[in-house]
Amino acid sequence: MNLSLYIYKEMVGANRYGISMVAGLVTVFMGLIVMVFVNILQR
């Protein structure tokens, strides 16, 4: 299980949209960490 699949299963499989949105926010947060890491390398 990874975050993308977890979001899909909670949204489509279990119809728990609130849970999938929280998991999506965590994914976005991890993406922001990646972007900060890349910006540090560029700097």
PDB file of all heavy atoms in Angstrom:
ATOM      1  N   MET A   1       0.836  -1.203   0.000  1.00  0.00           N
ATOM      2  CA  MET A   1       0.000   0.000   0.000  1.00  0.00           C
ATOM      3  C   MET A   1       0.868   1.250   0.000  1.00  0.00           C
ATOM      4  O   MET A   1       1.850   1.351   0.741  1.00  0.00           O
ATOM      5  CB  MET A   1      -0.889   0.007   1.246  1.00  0.00           C
ATOM      6  CG  MET A   1      -1.873   1.164   1.298  1.00  0.00           C
ATOM      7  SD  MET A   1      -3.205   0.997   0.088  1.00  0.00           S
ATOM      8  CE  MET A   1      -4.066  -0.432   0.768  1.00  0.00           C
ATOM      9  N   ASN A   2       0.551   2.203  -0.866  1.00  0.00           N
ATOM     10  CA  ASN A   2       1.213   3.506  -0.828  1.00  0.00           C
ATOM     11  C   ASN A   2       0.141   4.592  -0.743  1.00  0.00           C
ATOM     12  O   ASN A   2      -1.057   4.303  -0.723  1.00  0.00           O
ATOM     13  CB  ASN A   2       2.148   3.698  -2.022  1.00  0.00           C
ATOM     14  CG  ASN A   2       1.403   3.815  -3.338  1.00  0.00           C
ATOM     15  OD1 ASN A   2       0.181   3.627  -3.411  1.00  0.00           O
ATOM     16  ND2 ASN A   2       2.114   4.103  -4.406  1.00  0.00           N
ATOM     17  N   LEU A   3       0.554   5.850  -0.684  1.00  0.00           N
ATOM     18  CA  LEU A   3      -0.406   6.925  -0.444  1.00  0.00           C
ATOM     19  C   LEU A   3      -1.416   7.079  -1.576  1.00  0.00           C
ATOM     20  O   LEU A   3      -2.601   7.311  -1.326  1.00  0.00           O
ATOM     21  CB  LEU A   3       0.341   8.243  -0.214  1.00  0.00           C
ATOM     22  CG  LEU A   3       0.972   8.408   1.172  1.00  0.00           C
ATOM     23  CD1 LEU A   3       1.842   9.652   1.225  1.00  0.00           C
ATOM     24  CD2 LEU A   3      -0.113   8.469   2.251  1.00  0.00           C
ATOM     25  N   SER A   4      -0.958   6.958  -2.811  1.00  0.00           N
ATOM     26  CA  SER A   4      -1.883   7.102  -3.938  1.00  0.00           C
ATOM     27  C   SER A   4      -2.973   6.040  -3.900  1.00  0.00           C
ATOM     28  O   SER A   4      -4.159   6.341  -4.110  1.00  0.00           O
ATOM     29  CB  SER A   4      -1.110   7.005  -5.260  1.00  0.00           C
ATOM     30  OG  SER A   4      -0.209   8.065  -5.398  1.00  0.00           O
ATOM     31  N   LEU A   5      -2.584   4.801  -3.618  1.00  0.00           N
ATOM     32  CA  LEU A   5      -3.553   3.708  -3.555  1.00  0.00           C
ATOM     33  C   LEU A   5      -4.448   3.844  -2.326  1.00  0.00           C
ATOM     34  O   LEU A   5      -5.643   3.535  -2.381  1.00  0.00           O
ATOM     35  CB  LEU A   5      -2.823   2.362  -3.551  1.00  0.00           C
ATOM     36  CG  LEU A   5      -3.693   1.110  -3.651  1.00  0.00           C
ATOM     37  CD1 LEU A   5      -4.589   1.163  -4.882  1.00  0.00           C
ATOM     38  CD2 LEU A   5      -2.819  -0.147  -3.695  1.00  0.00           C
ATOM     39  N   TYR A   6      -3.891   4.299  -1.228  1.00  0.00           N
ATOM     40  CA  TYR A   6      -4.679   4.513  -0.005  1.00  0.00           C
ATOM     41  C   TYR A   6      -5.772   5.551  -0.261  1.00  0.00           C
ATOM     42  O   TYR A   6      -6.935   5.353   0.128  1.00  0.00           O
ATOM     43  CB  TYR A   6      -3.762   4.973   1.119  1.00  0.00           C
ATOM     44  CG  TYR A   6      -4.455   5.168   2.447  1.00  0.00           C
ATOM     45  CD1 TYR A   6      -4.627   4.108   3.328  1.00  0.00           C
ATOM     46  CD2 TYR A   6      -4.944   6.425   2.825  1.00  0.00           C
ATOM     47  CE1 TYR A   6      -5.261   4.290   4.554  1.00  0.00           C
ATOM     48  CE2 TYR A   6      -5.578   6.616   4.036  1.00  0.00           C
ATOM     49  CZ  TYR A   6      -5.733   5.546   4.900  1.00  0.00           C
ATOM     50  OH  TYR A   6      -6.372   5.723   6.107  1.00  0.00           O
ATOM     51  N   ILE A   7      -5.409   6.645  -0.930  1.00  0.00           N
ATOM     52  CA  ILE A   7      -6.400   7.682  -1.250  1.00  0.00           C
ATOM     53  C   ILE A   7      -7.501   7.109  -2.127  1.00  0.00           C
ATOM     54  O   ILE A   7      -8.696   7.353  -1.901  1.00  0.00           O
ATOM     55  CB  ILE A   7      -5.705   8.870  -1.947  1.00  0.00           C
ATOM     56  CG1 ILE A   7      -4.766   9.581  -0.978  1.00  0.00           C
ATOM     57  CG2 ILE A   7      -6.731   9.854  -2.513  1.00  0.00           C
ATOM     58  CD1 ILE A   7      -3.851  10.600  -1.643  1.00  0.00           C
ATOM     59  N   TYR A   8      -7.109   6.332  -3.141  1.00  0.00           N
ATOM     60  CA  TYR A   8      -8.089   5.730  -4.053  1.00  0.00           C
ATOM     61  C   TYR A   8      -9.050   4.803  -3.310  1.00  0.00           C
ATOM     62  O   TYR A   8     -10.277   4.867  -3.506  1.00  0.00           O
ATOM     63  CB  TYR A   8      -7.354   4.968  -5.146  1.00  0.00           C
ATOM     64  CG  TYR A   8      -8.244   4.103  -6.011  1.00  0.00           C
ATOM     65  CD1 TYR A   8      -8.961   4.656  -7.070  1.00  0.00           C
ATOM     66  CD2 TYR A   8      -8.387   2.745  -5.754  1.00  0.00           C
ATOM     67  CE1 TYR A   8      -9.796   3.871  -7.853  1.00  0.00           C
ATOM     68  CE2 TYR A   8      -9.212   1.948  -6.534  1.00  0.00           C
ATOM     69  CZ  TYR A   8      -9.919   2.512  -7.576  1.00  0.00           C
ATOM     70  OH  TYR A   8     -10.741   1.723  -8.347  1.00  0.00           O
ATOM     71  N   LYS A   9      -8.505   3.952  -2.453  1.00  0.00           N
ATOM     72  CA  LYS A   9      -9.353   2.975  -1.763  1.00  0.00           C
ATOM     73  C   LYS A   9     -10.301   3.642  -0.783  1.00  0.00           C
ATOM     74  O   LYS A   9     -11.450   3.218  -0.639  1.00  0.00           O
ATOM     75  CB  LYS A   9      -8.480   1.941  -1.047  1.00  0.00           C
ATOM     76  CG  LYS A   9      -7.775   0.988  -2.006  1.00  0.00           C
ATOM     77  CD  LYS A   9      -7.348  -0.292  -1.321  1.00  0.00           C
ATOM     78  CE  LYS A   9      -6.917  -1.336  -2.340  1.00  0.00           C
ATOM     79  NZ  LYS A   9      -6.656  -2.650  -1.739  1.00  0.00           N
ATOM     80  N   GLU A  10      -9.823   4.674  -0.103  1.00  0.00           N
ATOM     81  CA  GLU A  10     -10.695   5.368   0.837  1.00  0.00           C
ATOM     82  C   GLU A  10     -11.782   6.159   0.110  1.00  0.00           C
ATOM     83  O   GLU A  10     -12.915   6.236   0.580  1.00  0.00           O
ATOM     84  CB  GLU A  10      -9.868   6.313   1.714  1.00  0.00           C
ATOM     85  CG  GLU A  10      -8.962   5.612   2.708  1.00  0.00           C
ATOM     86  CD  GLU A  10      -9.743   4.810   3.735  1.00  0.00           C
ATOM     87  OE1 GLU A  10     -10.875   5.211   4.073  1.00  0.00           O
ATOM     88  OE2 GLU A  10      -9.222   3.775   4.200  1.00  0.00           O
ATOM     89  N   MET A  11     -11.448   6.716  -1.041  1.00  0.00           N
ATOM     90  CA  MET A  11     -12.418   7.535  -1.778  1.00  0.00           C
ATOM     91  C   MET A  11     -13.389   6.683  -2.581  1.00  0.00           C
ATOM     92  O   MET A  11     -14.615   6.849  -2.478  1.00  0.00           O
ATOM     93  CB  MET A  11     -11.692   8.510  -2.714  1.00  0.00           C
ATOM     94  CG  MET A  11     -12.620   9.403  -3.519  1.00  0.00           C
ATOM     95  SD  MET A  11     -11.742  10.508  -4.643  1.00  0.00           S
ATOM     96  CE  MET A  11     -10.902  11.566  -3.480  1.00  0.00           C
ATOM     97  N   VAL A  12     -12.857   5.768  -3.384  1.00  0.00           N
ATOM     98  CA  VAL A  12     -13.702   4.988  -4.297  1.00  0.00           C
ATOM     99  C   VAL A  12     -14.237   3.728  -3.637  1.00  0.00           C
ATOM    100  O   VAL A  12     -15.401   3.368  -3.806  1.00  0.00           O
ATOM    101  CB  VAL A  12     -12.906   4.623  -5.570  1.00  0.00           C
ATOM    102  CG1 VAL A  12     -13.740   3.781  -6.515  1.00  0.00           C
ATOM    103  CG2 VAL A  12     -12.415   5.888  -6.271  1.00  0.00           C
ATOM    104  N   GLY A  13     -13.371   3.058  -2.880  1.00  0.00           N
ATOM    105  CA  GLY A  13     -13.789   1.787  -2.283  1.00  0.00           C
ATOM    106  C   GLY A  13     -14.654   1.942  -1.053  1.00  0.00           C
ATOM    107  O   GLY A  13     -15.632   1.206  -0.882  1.00  0.00           O
ATOM    108  N   ALA A  14     -14.308   2.898  -0.188  1.00  0.00           N
ATOM    109  CA  ALA A  14     -15.027   3.039   1.083  1.00  0.00           C
ATOM    110  C   ALA A  14     -15.911   4.285   1.144  1.00  0.00           C
ATOM    111  O   ALA A  14     -16.629   4.470   2.125  1.00  0.00           O
ATOM    112  CB  ALA A  14     -14.025   3.065   2.235  1.00  0.00           C
ATOM    113  N   ASN A  15     -15.848   5.145   0.118  1.00  0.00           N
ATOM    114  CA  ASN A  15     -16.643   6.388   0.087  1.00  0.00           C
ATOM    115  C   ASN A  15     -16.381   7.281   1.299  1.00  0.00           C
ATOM    116  O   ASN A  15     -17.275   7.999   1.762  1.00  0.00           O
ATOM    117  CB  ASN A  15     -18.147   6.071   0.004  1.00  0.00           C
ATOM    118  CG  ASN A  15     -18.531   5.485  -1.340  1.00  0.00           C
ATOM    119  OD1 ASN A  15     -18.005   5.891  -2.371  1.00  0.00           O
ATOM    120  ND2 ASN A  15     -19.438   4.511  -1.324  1.00  0.00           N
ATOM    121  N   ARG A  16     -15.151   7.228   1.800  1.00  0.00           N
ATOM    122  CA  ARG A  16     -14.781   8.088   2.929  1.00  0.00           C
ATOM    123  C   ARG A  16     -13.932   9.240   2.380  1.00  0.00           C
ATOM    124  O   ARG A  16     -12.711   9.210   2.412  1.00  0.00           O
ATOM    125  CB  ARG A  16     -14.024   7.283   3.989  1.00  0.00           C
ATOM    126  CG  ARG A  16     -14.924   6.263   4.676  1.00  0.00           C
ATOM    127  CD  ARG A  16     -14.256   5.591   5.839  1.00  0.00           C
ATOM    128  NE  ARG A  16     -13.213   4.676   5.415  1.00  0.00           N
ATOM    129  CZ  ARG A  16     -12.750   3.668   6.170  1.00  0.00           C
ATOM    130  NH1 ARG A  16     -13.251   3.473   7.380  1.00  0.00           N
ATOM    131  NH2 ARG A  16     -11.793   2.882   5.732  1.00  0.00           N
ATOM    132  N   TYR A  17     -14.620  10.244   1.879  1.00  0.00           N
ATOM    133  CA  TYR A  17     -13.943  11.331   1.187  1.00  0.00           C
ATOM    134  C   TYR A  17     -13.095  12.174   2.133  1.00  0.00           C
ATOM    135  O   TYR A  17     -12.039  12.679   1.748  1.00  0.00           O
ATOM    136  CB  TYR A  17     -14.960  12.208   0.463  1.00  0.00           C
ATOM    137  CG  TYR A  17     -15.666  11.486  -0.664  1.00  0.00           C
ATOM    138  CD1 TYR A  17     -16.884  10.854  -0.463  1.00  0.00           C
ATOM    139  CD2 TYR A  17     -15.074  11.416  -1.925  1.00  0.00           C
ATOM    140  CE1 TYR A  17     -17.515  10.177  -1.498  1.00  0.00           C
ATOM    141  CE2 TYR A  17     -15.707  10.749  -2.966  1.00  0.00           C
ATOM    142  CZ  TYR A  17     -16.926  10.123  -2.745  1.00  0.00           C
ATOM    143  OH  TYR A  17     -17.534   9.446  -3.768  1.00  0.00           O
ATOM    144  N   GLY A  18     -13.564  12.334   3.372  1.00  0.00           N
ATOM    145  CA  GLY A  18     -12.797  13.101   4.331  1.00  0.00           C
ATOM    146  C   GLY A  18     -11.456  12.453   4.633  1.00  0.00           C
ATOM    147  O   GLY A  18     -10.422  13.128   4.724  1.00  0.00           O
ATOM    148  N   ILE A  19     -11.466  11.135   4.777  1.00  0.00           N
ATOM    149  CA  ILE A  19     -10.229  10.395   5.050  1.00  0.00           C
ATOM    150  C   ILE A  19      -9.274  10.533   3.869  1.00  0.00           C
ATOM    151  O   ILE A  19      -8.072  10.762   4.044  1.00  0.00           O
ATOM    152  CB  ILE A  19     -10.539   8.907   5.321  1.00  0.00           C
ATOM    153  CG1 ILE A  19     -11.513   8.754   6.497  1.00  0.00           C
ATOM    154  CG2 ILE A  19      -9.249   8.131   5.570  1.00  0.00           C
ATOM    155  CD1 ILE A  19     -10.986   9.288   7.792  1.00  0.00           C
ATOM    156  N   SER A  20      -9.811  10.387   2.651  1.00  0.00           N
ATOM    157  CA  SER A  20      -8.954  10.479   1.465  1.00  0.00           C
ATOM    158  C   SER A  20      -8.384  11.884   1.307  1.00  0.00           C
ATOM    159  O   SER A  20      -7.243  12.048   0.862  1.00  0.00           O
ATOM    160  CB  SER A  20      -9.743  10.082   0.211  1.00  0.00           C
ATOM    161  OG  SER A  20     -10.800  10.995  -0.042  1.00  0.00           O
ATOM    162  N   MET A  21      -9.146  12.907   1.698  1.00  0.00           N
ATOM    163  CA  MET A  21      -8.649  14.279   1.599  1.00  0.00           C
ATOM    164  C   MET A  21      -7.491  14.515   2.573  1.00  0.00           C
ATOM    165  O   MET A  21      -6.513  15.190   2.245  1.00  0.00           O
ATOM    166  CB  MET A  21      -9.778  15.276   1.861  1.00  0.00           C
ATOM    167  CG  MET A  21     -10.805  15.364   0.731  1.00  0.00           C
ATOM    168  SD  MET A  21     -12.116  16.544   1.080  1.00  0.00           S
ATOM    169  CE  MET A  21     -11.176  18.067   1.101  1.00  0.00           C
ATOM    170  N   VAL A  22      -7.596  13.953   3.772  1.00  0.00           N
ATOM    171  CA  VAL A  22      -6.505  14.087   4.741  1.00  0.00           C
ATOM    172  C   VAL A  22      -5.255  13.399   4.208  1.00  0.00           C
ATOM    173  O   VAL A  22      -4.141  13.945   4.287  1.00  0.00           O
ATOM    174  CB  VAL A  22      -6.912  13.493   6.105  1.00  0.00           C
ATOM    175  CG1 VAL A  22      -5.704  13.463   7.049  1.00  0.00           C
ATOM    176  CG2 VAL A  22      -8.035  14.303   6.722  1.00  0.00           C
ATOM    177  N   ALA A  23      -5.423  12.190   3.657  1.00  0.00           N
ATOM    178  CA  ALA A  23      -4.281  11.479   3.075  1.00  0.00           C
ATOM    179  C   ALA A  23      -3.702  12.266   1.904  1.00  0.00           C
ATOM    180  O   ALA A  23      -2.489  12.290   1.693  1.00  0.00           O
ATOM    181  CB  ALA A  23      -4.712  10.083   2.618  1.00  0.00           C
ATOM    182  N   GLY A  24      -4.578  12.932   1.145  1.00  0.00           N
ATOM    183  CA  GLY A  24      -4.107  13.758   0.042  1.00  0.00           C
ATOM    184  C   GLY A  24      -3.295  14.944   0.534  1.00  0.00           C
ATOM    185  O   GLY A  24      -2.284  15.315  -0.071  1.00  0.00           O
ATOM    186  N   LEU A  25      -3.713  15.531   1.661  1.00  0.00           N
ATOM    187  CA  LEU A  25      -2.960  16.640   2.239  1.00  0.00           C
ATOM    188  C   LEU A  25      -1.564  16.191   2.669  1.00  0.00           C
ATOM    189  O   LEU A  25      -0.586  16.930   2.507  1.00  0.00           O
ATOM    190  CB  LEU A  25      -3.717  17.221   3.437  1.00  0.00           C
ATOM    191  CG  LEU A  25      -4.952  18.056   3.120  1.00  0.00           C
ATOM    192  CD1 LEU A  25      -5.664  18.457   4.412  1.00  0.00           C
ATOM    193  CD2 LEU A  25      -4.557  19.312   2.332  1.00  0.00           C
ATOM    194  N   VAL A  26      -1.469  14.991   3.213  1.00  0.00           N
ATOM    195  CA  VAL A  26      -0.164  14.452   3.605  1.00  0.00           C
ATOM    196  C   VAL A  26       0.716  14.280   2.371  1.00  0.00           C
ATOM    197  O   VAL A  26       1.915  14.593   2.389  1.00  0.00           O
ATOM    198  CB  VAL A  26      -0.330  13.111   4.351  1.00  0.00           C
ATOM    199  CG1 VAL A  26       1.031  12.469   4.603  1.00  0.00           C
ATOM    200  CG2 VAL A  26      -1.074  13.320   5.665  1.00  0.00           C
ATOM    201  N   THR A  27       0.114  13.799   1.285  1.00  0.00           N
ATOM    202  CA  THR A  27       0.870  13.636   0.036  1.00  0.00           C
ATOM    203  C   THR A  27       1.363  14.980  -0.479  1.00  0.00           C
ATOM    204  O   THR A  27       2.515  15.107  -0.914  1.00  0.00           O
ATOM    205  CB  THR A  27      -0.006  12.956  -1.031  1.00  0.00           C
ATOM    206  OG1 THR A  27      -0.543  11.727  -0.515  1.00  0.00           O
ATOM    207  CG2 THR A  27       0.813  12.646  -2.283  1.00  0.00           C
ATOM    208  N   VAL A  28       0.498  15.993  -0.420  1.00  0.00           N
ATOM    209  CA  VAL A  28       0.895  17.341  -0.843  1.00  0.00           C
ATOM    210  C   VAL A  28       2.033  17.858   0.040  1.00  0.00           C
ATOM    211  O   VAL A  28       2.996  18.465  -0.452  1.00  0.00           O
ATOM    212  CB  VAL A  28      -0.309  18.300  -0.786  1.00  0.00           C
ATOM    213  CG1 VAL A  28       0.144  19.746  -1.004  1.00  0.00           C
ATOM    214  CG2 VAL A  28      -1.341  17.918  -1.840  1.00  0.00           C
ATOM    215  N   PHE A  29       1.946  17.597   1.341  1.00  0.00           N
ATOM    216  CA  PHE A  29       2.991  18.034   2.261  1.00  0.00           C
ATOM    217  C   PHE A  29       4.325  17.373   1.923  1.00  0.00           C
ATOM    218  O   PHE A  29       5.381  18.030   1.930  1.00  0.00           O
ATOM    219  CB  PHE A  29       2.587  17.695   3.694  1.00  0.00           C
ATOM    220  CG  PHE A  29       3.614  18.070   4.720  1.00  0.00           C
ATOM    221  CD1 PHE A  29       3.832  19.398   5.046  1.00  0.00           C
ATOM    222  CD2 PHE A  29       4.363  17.093   5.347  1.00  0.00           C
ATOM    223  CE1 PHE A  29       4.794  19.749   5.990  1.00  0.00           C
ATOM    224  CE2 PHE A  29       5.329  17.433   6.287  1.00  0.00           C
ATOM    225  CZ  PHE A  29       5.537  18.769   6.617  1.00  0.00           C
ATOM    226  N   MET A  30       4.287  16.080   1.606  1.00  0.00           N
ATOM    227  CA  MET A  30       5.512  15.391   1.204  1.00  0.00           C
ATOM    228  C   MET A  30       6.052  15.974  -0.098  1.00  0.00           C
ATOM    229  O   MET A  30       7.264  16.093  -0.291  1.00  0.00           O
ATOM    230  CB  MET A  30       5.252  13.884   1.061  1.00  0.00           C
ATOM    231  CG  MET A  30       4.931  13.196   2.379  1.00  0.00           C
ATOM    232  SD  MET A  30       4.590  11.424   2.202  1.00  0.00           S
ATOM    233  CE  MET A  30       6.212  10.803   1.772  1.00  0.00           C
ATOM    234  N   GLY A  31       5.138  16.344  -1.009  1.00  0.00           N
ATOM    235  CA  GLY A  31       5.563  16.985  -2.254  1.00  0.00           C
ATOM    236  C   GLY A  31       6.239  18.326  -1.996  1.00  0.00           C
ATOM    237  O   GLY A  31       7.229  18.669  -2.654  1.00  0.00           O
ATOM    238  N   LEU A  32       5.722  19.075  -1.021  1.00  0.00           N
ATOM    239  CA  LEU A  32       6.345  20.356  -0.668  1.00  0.00           C
ATOM    240  C   LEU A  32       7.746  20.151  -0.106  1.00  0.00           C
ATOM    241  O   LEU A  32       8.662  20.929  -0.387  1.00  0.00           O
ATOM    242  CB  LEU A  32       5.472  21.096   0.353  1.00  0.00           C
ATOM    243  CG  LEU A  32       4.138  21.634  -0.166  1.00  0.00           C
ATOM    244  CD1 LEU A  32       3.329  22.237   0.974  1.00  0.00           C
ATOM    245  CD2 LEU A  32       4.374  22.680  -1.254  1.00  0.00           C
ATOM    246  N   ILE A  33       7.918  19.095   0.690  1.00  0.00           N
ATOM    247  CA  ILE A  33       9.248  18.775   1.225  1.00  0.00           C
ATOM    248  C   ILE A  33      10.208  18.479   0.077  1.00  0.00           C
ATOM    249  O   ILE A  33      11.367  18.913   0.079  1.00  0.00           O
ATOM    250  CB  ILE A  33       9.163  17.579   2.193  1.00  0.00           C
ATOM    251  CG1 ILE A  33       8.373  17.966   3.441  1.00  0.00           C
ATOM    252  CG2 ILE A  33      10.564  17.095   2.575  1.00  0.00           C
ATOM    253  CD1 ILE A  33       8.154  16.820   4.409  1.00  0.00           C
ATOM    254  N   VAL A  34       9.714  17.731  -0.926  1.00  0.00           N
ATOM    255  CA  VAL A  34      10.540  17.436  -2.100  1.00  0.00           C
ATOM    256  C   VAL A  34      10.945  18.730  -2.803  1.00  0.00           C
ATOM    257  O   VAL A  34      12.111  18.916  -3.184  1.00  0.00           O
ATOM    258  CB  VAL A  34       9.791  16.503  -3.065  1.00  0.00           C
ATOM    259  CG1 VAL A  34      10.515  16.414  -4.414  1.00  0.00           C
ATOM    260  CG2 VAL A  34       9.639  15.115  -2.451  1.00  0.00           C
ATOM    261  N   MET A  35       9.997  19.646  -2.976  1.00  0.00           N
ATOM    262  CA  MET A  35      10.288  20.904  -3.665  1.00  0.00           C
ATOM    263  C   MET A  35      11.295  21.750  -2.872  1.00  0.00           C
ATOM    264  O   MET A  35      12.171  22.394  -3.447  1.00  0.00           O
ATOM    265  CB  MET A  35       9.006  21.701  -3.895  1.00  0.00           C
ATOM    266  CG  MET A  35       8.041  21.049  -4.880  1.00  0.00           C
ATOM    267  SD  MET A  35       8.833  20.662  -6.463  1.00  0.00           S
ATOM    268  CE  MET A  35       9.352  22.277  -7.013  1.00  0.00           C
ATOM    269  N   VAL A  36      11.169  21.757  -1.542  1.00  0.00           N
ATOM    270  CA  VAL A  36      12.136  22.486  -0.714  1.00  0.00           C
ATOM    271  C   VAL A  36      13.524  21.880  -0.888  1.00  0.00           C
ATOM    272  O   VAL A  36      14.530  22.599  -1.018  1.00  0.00           O
ATOM    273  CB  VAL A  36      11.709  22.457   0.764  1.00  0.00           C
ATOM    274  CG1 VAL A  36      12.830  22.976   1.660  1.00  0.00           C
ATOM    275  CG2 VAL A  36      10.445  23.277   0.976  1.00  0.00           C
ATOM    276  N   PHE A  37      13.577  20.553  -0.914  1.00  0.00           N
ATOM    277  CA  PHE A  37      14.853  19.851  -1.104  1.00  0.00           C
ATOM    278  C   PHE A  37      15.482  20.229  -2.448  1.00  0.00           C
ATOM    279  O   PHE A  37      16.674  20.531  -2.535  1.00  0.00           O
ATOM    280  CB  PHE A  37      14.606  18.345  -1.021  1.00  0.00           C
ATOM    281  CG  PHE A  37      15.818  17.498  -1.301  1.00  0.00           C
ATOM    282  CD1 PHE A  37      16.965  17.618  -0.537  1.00  0.00           C
ATOM    283  CD2 PHE A  37      15.803  16.577  -2.342  1.00  0.00           C
ATOM    284  CE1 PHE A  37      18.084  16.836  -0.794  1.00  0.00           C
ATOM    285  CE2 PHE A  37      16.911  15.795  -2.605  1.00  0.00           C
ATOM    286  CZ  PHE A  37      18.055  15.925  -1.829  1.00  0.00           C
ATOM    287  N   VAL A  38      14.668  20.256  -3.485  1.00  0.00           N
ATOM    288  CA  VAL A  38      15.165  20.620  -4.818  1.00  0.00           C
ATOM    289  C   VAL A  38      15.620  22.077  -4.845  1.00  0.00           C
ATOM    290  O   VAL A  38      16.667  22.408  -5.427  1.00  0.00           O
ATOM    291  CB  VAL A  38      14.077  20.369  -5.884  1.00  0.00           C
ATOM    292  CG1 VAL A  38      14.499  20.947  -7.237  1.00  0.00           C
ATOM    293  CG2 VAL A  38      13.798  18.868  -6.018  1.00  0.00           C
ATOM    294  N   ASN A  39      14.861  22.960  -4.206  1.00  0.00           N
ATOM    295  CA  ASN A  39      15.244  24.376  -4.173  1.00  0.00           C
ATOM    296  C   ASN A  39      16.561  24.588  -3.434  1.00  0.00           C
ATOM    297  O   ASN A  39      17.367  25.447  -3.815  1.00  0.00           O
ATOM    298  CB  ASN A  39      14.140  25.208  -3.513  1.00  0.00           C
ATOM    299  CG  ASN A  39      12.955  25.421  -4.425  1.00  0.00           C
ATOM    300  OD1 ASN A  39      13.107  25.444  -5.648  1.00  0.00           O
ATOM    301  ND2 ASN A  39      11.770  25.564  -3.849  1.00  0.00           N
ATOM    302  N   ILE A  40      16.785  23.827  -2.372  1.00  0.00           N
ATOM    303  CA  ILE A  40      18.055  23.917  -1.642  1.00  0.00           C
ATOM    304  C   ILE A  40      19.208  23.511  -2.555  1.00  0.00           C
ATOM    305  O   ILE A  40      20.260  24.167  -2.581  1.00  0.00           O
ATOM    306  CB  ILE A  40      18.014  23.036  -0.378  1.00  0.00           C
ATOM    307  CG1 ILE A  40      17.042  23.623   0.649  1.00  0.00           C
ATOM    308  CG2 ILE A  40      19.415  22.903   0.236  1.00  0.00           C
ATOM    309  CD1 ILE A  40      16.815  22.742   1.854  1.00  0.00           C
ATOM    310  N   LEU A  41      19.012  22.433  -3.324  1.00  0.00           N
ATOM    311  CA  LEU A  41      20.051  22.000  -4.254  1.00  0.00           C
ATOM    312  C   LEU A  41      20.320  23.065  -5.308  1.00  0.00           C
ATOM    313  O   LEU A  41      21.475  23.327  -5.664  1.00  0.00           O
ATOM    314  CB  LEU A  41      19.633  20.684  -4.929  1.00  0.00           C
ATOM    315  CG  LEU A  41      19.557  19.441  -4.032  1.00  0.00           C
ATOM    316  CD1 LEU A  41      19.073  18.238  -4.842  1.00  0.00           C
ATOM    317  CD2 LEU A  41      20.915  19.137  -3.415  1.00  0.00           C
ATOM    318  N   GLN A  42      19.255  23.683  -5.817  1.00  0.00           N
ATOM    319  CA  GLN A  42      19.425  24.733  -6.823  1.00  0.00           C
ATOM    320  C   GLN A  42      20.147  25.946  -6.244  1.00  0.00           C
ATOM    321  O   GLN A  42      21.003  26.547  -6.892  1.00  0.00           O
ATOM    322  CB  GLN A  42      18.066  25.140  -7.390  1.00  0.00           C
ATOM    323  CG  GLN A  42      17.438  24.096  -8.285  1.00  0.00           C
ATOM    324  CD  GLN A  42      16.070  24.522  -8.788  1.00  0.00           C
ATOM    325  OE1 GLN A  42      15.332  25.205  -8.082  1.00  0.00           O
ATOM    326  NE2 GLN A  42      15.728  24.120  -9.995  1.00  0.00           N
ATOM    327  N   ARG A  43      19.819  26.297  -4.996  1.00  0.00           N
ATOM    328  CA  ARG A  43      20.466  27.446  -4.364  1.00  0.00           C
ATOM    329  C   ARG A  43      21.949  27.186  -4.151  1.00  0.00           C
ATOM    330  O   ARG A  43      22.791  28.056  -4.366  1.00  0.00           O
ATOM    331  CB  ARG A  43      19.782  27.741  -3.024  1.00  0.00           C
ATOM    332  CG  ARG A  43      20.173  29.099  -2.430  1.00  0.00           C
ATOM    333  CD  ARG A  43      19.413  29.390  -1.155  1.00  0.00           C
ATOM    334  NE  ARG A  43      17.971  29.378  -1.392  1.00  0.00           N
ATOM    335  CZ  ARG A  43      17.131  28.509  -0.840  1.00  0.00           C
ATOM    336  NH1 ARG A  43      17.597  27.555  -0.059  1.00  0.00           N
ATOM    337  NH2 ARG A  43      15.847  28.579  -1.084  1.00  0.00           N
TER     338      ARG A  43
END
